[in-house]
């Protein structure tokens, strides 16, 4: 599970827990300055096979005119390094629900993407192109994705 500040993860399995982030992306100072102004939520997402874990940082920023929190960027790390390739997987994140991961080709979804549902926006983010496509929405009483059974 993510620790405070996003620099550490924890595990109940103390015998086998040795995760660390050996690679953290290089940003220019202006990118760090922009992210420092954002709110960040952190999610640990398990792949459908259970063999890969993704650590996702979701950055949102308040719009000054409307006061809504809109998605700015996602940072996706495998437990050992940053990745911009999920393969045939897609990740579902919601502001109040549990994150999950699906095989995109089984459900006709876009591969290598994050589908997100925030308190004030929803959309799709392509990890390889670092492109966030979102739309503003009215606050929803149930901002959840429900995984298929």
C-alpha atoms as a PDB file:
ATOM      1  CA  UNK A   1       0.000   0.000   0.000  1.00  0.00           C
ATOM      2  CA  UNK A   2       1.276   3.528  -0.720  1.00  0.00           C
ATOM      3  CA  UNK A   3       2.962   5.377   2.117  1.00  0.00           C
ATOM      4  CA  UNK A   4       2.741   9.054   3.018  1.00  0.00           C
ATOM      5  CA  UNK A   5       4.480  11.275   0.470  1.00  0.00           C
ATOM      6  CA  UNK A   6       4.405   8.597  -2.221  1.00  0.00           C
ATOM      7  CA  UNK A   7       8.055   7.602  -1.823  1.00  0.00           C
ATOM      8  CA  UNK A   8       7.461   4.273  -0.059  1.00  0.00           C
ATOM      9  CA  UNK A   9       5.157   1.291  -0.259  1.00  0.00           C
ATOM     10  CA  UNK A  10       4.243  -1.125   2.491  1.00  0.00           C
ATOM     11  CA  UNK A  11       3.345  -4.777   2.515  1.00  0.00           C
ATOM     12  CA  UNK A  12       1.850  -7.239   4.971  1.00  0.00           C
ATOM     13  CA  UNK A  13       4.247  -9.902   3.635  1.00  0.00           C
ATOM     14  CA  UNK A  14       7.434  -8.839   5.430  1.00  0.00           C
ATOM     15  CA  UNK A  15       9.394 -11.879   4.250  1.00  0.00           C
ATOM     16  CA  UNK A  16       9.129 -11.150   0.519  1.00  0.00           C
ATOM     17  CA  UNK A  17       8.602  -7.391   0.516  1.00  0.00           C
ATOM     18  CA  UNK A  18      11.510  -5.719  -1.278  1.00  0.00           C
ATOM     19  CA  UNK A  19       9.845  -3.227  -3.613  1.00  0.00           C
ATOM     20  CA  UNK A  20      11.549   0.036  -4.407  1.00  0.00           C
ATOM     21  CA  UNK A  21      11.476   2.550  -7.212  1.00  0.00           C
ATOM     22  CA  UNK A  22      14.833   2.244  -8.945  1.00  0.00           C
ATOM     23  CA  UNK A  23      13.839   4.726 -11.637  1.00  0.00           C
ATOM     24  CA  UNK A  24      11.967   7.937 -11.091  1.00  0.00           C
ATOM     25  CA  UNK A  25      11.262  10.104 -14.142  1.00  0.00           C
ATOM     26  CA  UNK A  26      13.379  13.136 -14.913  1.00  0.00           C
ATOM     27  CA  UNK A  27      11.378  16.365 -15.054  1.00  0.00           C
ATOM     28  CA  UNK A  28      12.537  19.896 -15.692  1.00  0.00           C
ATOM     29  CA  UNK A  29      12.002  22.265 -12.769  1.00  0.00           C
ATOM     30  CA  UNK A  30       8.923  23.883 -14.349  1.00  0.00           C
ATOM     31  CA  UNK A  31       7.201  20.469 -14.509  1.00  0.00           C
ATOM     32  CA  UNK A  32       7.959  19.796 -10.826  1.00  0.00           C
ATOM     33  CA  UNK A  33       6.726  23.290  -9.919  1.00  0.00           C
ATOM     34  CA  UNK A  34       3.445  22.627 -11.725  1.00  0.00           C
ATOM     35  CA  UNK A  35       2.972  19.235 -10.041  1.00  0.00           C
ATOM     36  CA  UNK A  36       3.771  20.738  -6.616  1.00  0.00           C
ATOM     37  CA  UNK A  37       0.683  22.952  -6.997  1.00  0.00           C
ATOM     38  CA  UNK A  38      -1.525  19.928  -7.676  1.00  0.00           C
ATOM     39  CA  UNK A  39      -3.364  17.629  -5.312  1.00  0.00           C
ATOM     40  CA  UNK A  40      -2.164  14.042  -5.547  1.00  0.00           C
ATOM     41  CA  UNK A  41      -3.861  10.749  -4.823  1.00  0.00           C
ATOM     42  CA  UNK A  42      -1.981   7.468  -4.937  1.00  0.00           C
ATOM     43  CA  UNK A  43      -3.294   4.067  -5.942  1.00  0.00           C
ATOM     44  CA  UNK A  44      -1.792   0.578  -5.958  1.00  0.00           C
ATOM     45  CA  UNK A  45      -3.372  -1.419  -8.802  1.00  0.00           C
ATOM     46  CA  UNK A  46      -2.995  -5.163  -9.367  1.00  0.00           C
ATOM     47  CA  UNK A  47      -2.951  -6.614 -12.905  1.00  0.00           C
ATOM     48  CA  UNK A  48      -5.581  -9.268 -13.751  1.00  0.00           C
ATOM     49  CA  UNK A  49      -2.948 -12.028 -13.448  1.00  0.00           C
ATOM     50  CA  UNK A  50      -1.869 -10.791 -10.026  1.00  0.00           C
ATOM     51  CA  UNK A  51       1.800 -10.833 -11.052  1.00  0.00           C
ATOM     52  CA  UNK A  52       2.295  -7.122 -11.727  1.00  0.00           C
ATOM     53  CA  UNK A  53       1.491  -4.145  -9.561  1.00  0.00           C
ATOM     54  CA  UNK A  54       1.223  -0.556 -10.755  1.00  0.00           C
ATOM     55  CA  UNK A  55       1.660   2.445  -8.495  1.00  0.00           C
ATOM     56  CA  UNK A  56      -0.395   5.300  -9.986  1.00  0.00           C
ATOM     57  CA  UNK A  57      -0.138   8.939  -8.931  1.00  0.00           C
ATOM     58  CA  UNK A  58      -3.157  11.014 -10.012  1.00  0.00           C
ATOM     59  CA  UNK A  59      -2.543  14.780 -10.051  1.00  0.00           C
ATOM     60  CA  UNK A  60      -5.492  17.189 -10.036  1.00  0.00           C
ATOM     61  CA  UNK A  61      -5.562  20.966  -9.954  1.00  0.00           C
ATOM     62  CA  UNK A  62      -8.324  23.359  -8.914  1.00  0.00           C
ATOM     63  CA  UNK A  63      -9.775  25.503 -11.683  1.00  0.00           C
ATOM     64  CA  UNK A  64      -9.787  29.084 -10.397  1.00  0.00           C
ATOM     65  CA  UNK A  65     -13.002  30.065 -12.172  1.00  0.00           C
ATOM     66  CA  UNK A  66     -15.154  27.051 -11.249  1.00  0.00           C
ATOM     67  CA  UNK A  67     -13.350  25.713  -8.171  1.00  0.00           C
ATOM     68  CA  UNK A  68     -13.519  22.177  -9.566  1.00  0.00           C
ATOM     69  CA  UNK A  69     -10.631  19.713  -9.312  1.00  0.00           C
ATOM     70  CA  UNK A  70      -9.607  18.767 -12.865  1.00  0.00           C
ATOM     71  CA  UNK A  71      -7.149  16.056 -13.886  1.00  0.00           C
ATOM     72  CA  UNK A  72      -3.701  17.376 -14.772  1.00  0.00           C
ATOM     73  CA  UNK A  73      -1.493  14.296 -15.146  1.00  0.00           C
ATOM     74  CA  UNK A  74      -0.917  10.646 -14.265  1.00  0.00           C
ATOM     75  CA  UNK A  75       2.391   9.085 -13.302  1.00  0.00           C
ATOM     76  CA  UNK A  76       2.430   5.283 -13.602  1.00  0.00           C
ATOM     77  CA  UNK A  77       5.199   3.206 -12.060  1.00  0.00           C
ATOM     78  CA  UNK A  78       5.608  -0.524 -11.983  1.00  0.00           C
ATOM     79  CA  UNK A  79       6.621  -1.475  -8.489  1.00  0.00           C
ATOM     80  CA  UNK A  80      10.255  -1.306  -9.629  1.00  0.00           C
ATOM     81  CA  UNK A  81      10.310   1.451 -12.308  1.00  0.00           C
ATOM     82  CA  UNK A  82       8.249   3.965 -14.291  1.00  0.00           C
ATOM     83  CA  UNK A  83       6.435   2.619 -17.289  1.00  0.00           C
ATOM     84  CA  UNK A  84       4.643   4.128 -20.242  1.00  0.00           C
ATOM     85  CA  UNK A  85       3.529   0.761 -21.572  1.00  0.00           C
ATOM     86  CA  UNK A  86       0.794  -1.344 -19.983  1.00  0.00           C
ATOM     87  CA  UNK A  87       0.482  -3.648 -22.977  1.00  0.00           C
ATOM     88  CA  UNK A  88      -3.049  -4.982 -23.402  1.00  0.00           C
ATOM     89  CA  UNK A  89      -4.058  -3.670 -19.987  1.00  0.00           C
ATOM     90  CA  UNK A  90      -6.085  -0.669 -18.895  1.00  0.00           C
ATOM     91  CA  UNK A  91      -6.448   0.775 -15.405  1.00  0.00           C
ATOM     92  CA  UNK A  92      -9.651   2.091 -13.827  1.00  0.00           C
ATOM     93  CA  UNK A  93      -9.351   4.786 -11.139  1.00  0.00           C
ATOM     94  CA  UNK A  94     -12.128   6.593  -9.343  1.00  0.00           C
ATOM     95  CA  UNK A  95     -11.885   9.215  -6.651  1.00  0.00           C
ATOM     96  CA  UNK A  96     -13.720   7.088  -4.081  1.00  0.00           C
ATOM     97  CA  UNK A  97     -13.636   3.521  -5.401  1.00  0.00           C
ATOM     98  CA  UNK A  98     -11.086   0.729  -5.493  1.00  0.00           C
ATOM     99  CA  UNK A  99      -8.726   0.783  -8.484  1.00  0.00           C
ATOM    100  CA  UNK A 100      -8.609  -2.246 -10.780  1.00  0.00           C
ATOM    101  CA  UNK A 101      -6.999  -3.391 -14.007  1.00  0.00           C
ATOM    102  CA  UNK A 102      -8.519  -5.263 -16.975  1.00  0.00           C
ATOM    103  CA  UNK A 103      -7.313  -6.895 -20.157  1.00  0.00           C
ATOM    104  CA  UNK A 104      -8.450  -4.314 -22.725  1.00  0.00           C
ATOM    105  CA  UNK A 105      -9.011  -6.695 -25.662  1.00  0.00           C
ATOM    106  CA  UNK A 106     -11.545  -8.767 -23.695  1.00  0.00           C
ATOM    107  CA  UNK A 107     -13.852  -5.769 -23.219  1.00  0.00           C
ATOM    108  CA  UNK A 108     -13.290  -3.650 -26.349  1.00  0.00           C
ATOM    109  CA  UNK A 109     -11.390  -0.977 -24.413  1.00  0.00           C
ATOM    110  CA  UNK A 110      -8.360   1.096 -25.346  1.00  0.00           C
ATOM    111  CA  UNK A 111      -5.147  -0.600 -24.318  1.00  0.00           C
ATOM    112  CA  UNK A 112      -2.398   1.215 -22.448  1.00  0.00           C
ATOM    113  CA  UNK A 113      -4.915   3.686 -20.959  1.00  0.00           C
ATOM    114  CA  UNK A 114      -6.254   4.863 -17.637  1.00  0.00           C
ATOM    115  CA  UNK A 115     -10.000   5.411 -17.395  1.00  0.00           C
ATOM    116  CA  UNK A 116     -10.702   7.824 -14.567  1.00  0.00           C
ATOM    117  CA  UNK A 117     -13.680   9.259 -12.732  1.00  0.00           C
ATOM    118  CA  UNK A 118     -12.885  12.173 -10.445  1.00  0.00           C
ATOM    119  CA  UNK A 119     -15.085  14.363  -8.339  1.00  0.00           C
ATOM    120  CA  UNK A 120     -15.356  16.980 -11.122  1.00  0.00           C
ATOM    121  CA  UNK A 121     -14.134  15.284 -14.307  1.00  0.00           C
ATOM    122  CA  UNK A 122     -13.907  11.953 -16.091  1.00  0.00           C
ATOM    123  CA  UNK A 123     -12.024  10.678 -19.097  1.00  0.00           C
ATOM    124  CA  UNK A 124      -9.248   8.597 -20.536  1.00  0.00           C
ATOM    125  CA  UNK A 125      -5.480   9.043 -20.343  1.00  0.00           C
ATOM    126  CA  UNK A 126      -3.106   7.454 -22.845  1.00  0.00           C
ATOM    127  CA  UNK A 127       0.026   6.481 -20.925  1.00  0.00           C
ATOM    128  CA  UNK A 128       2.411   6.280 -23.905  1.00  0.00           C
ATOM    129  CA  UNK A 129       1.490   9.728 -25.247  1.00  0.00           C
ATOM    130  CA  UNK A 130       0.934  11.295 -21.791  1.00  0.00           C
ATOM    131  CA  UNK A 131      -2.334  12.645 -23.140  1.00  0.00           C
ATOM    132  CA  UNK A 132      -5.288  13.268 -20.824  1.00  0.00           C
ATOM    133  CA  UNK A 133      -8.701  13.664 -22.455  1.00  0.00           C
ATOM    134  CA  UNK A 134     -11.275  14.712 -19.881  1.00  0.00           C
ATOM    135  CA  UNK A 135     -14.652  16.365 -19.551  1.00  0.00           C
ATOM    136  CA  UNK A 136     -16.069  18.278 -16.623  1.00  0.00           C
ATOM    137  CA  UNK A 137     -19.065  16.789 -14.851  1.00  0.00           C
ATOM    138  CA  UNK A 138     -21.337  17.799 -12.026  1.00  0.00           C
ATOM    139  CA  UNK A 139     -20.317  16.191  -8.737  1.00  0.00           C
ATOM    140  CA  UNK A 140     -21.603  12.638  -8.642  1.00  0.00           C
ATOM    141  CA  UNK A 141     -22.907  11.001  -5.466  1.00  0.00           C
ATOM    142  CA  UNK A 142     -21.390   7.699  -6.663  1.00  0.00           C
ATOM    143  CA  UNK A 143     -18.072   8.252  -8.468  1.00  0.00           C
ATOM    144  CA  UNK A 144     -17.241   4.553  -8.848  1.00  0.00           C
ATOM    145  CA  UNK A 145     -16.319   2.085 -11.558  1.00  0.00           C
ATOM    146  CA  UNK A 146     -17.715  -1.405 -11.020  1.00  0.00           C
ATOM    147  CA  UNK A 147     -15.414  -4.212 -12.206  1.00  0.00           C
ATOM    148  CA  UNK A 148     -16.919  -7.028 -14.294  1.00  0.00           C
ATOM    149  CA  UNK A 149     -17.525 -10.296 -12.470  1.00  0.00           C
END
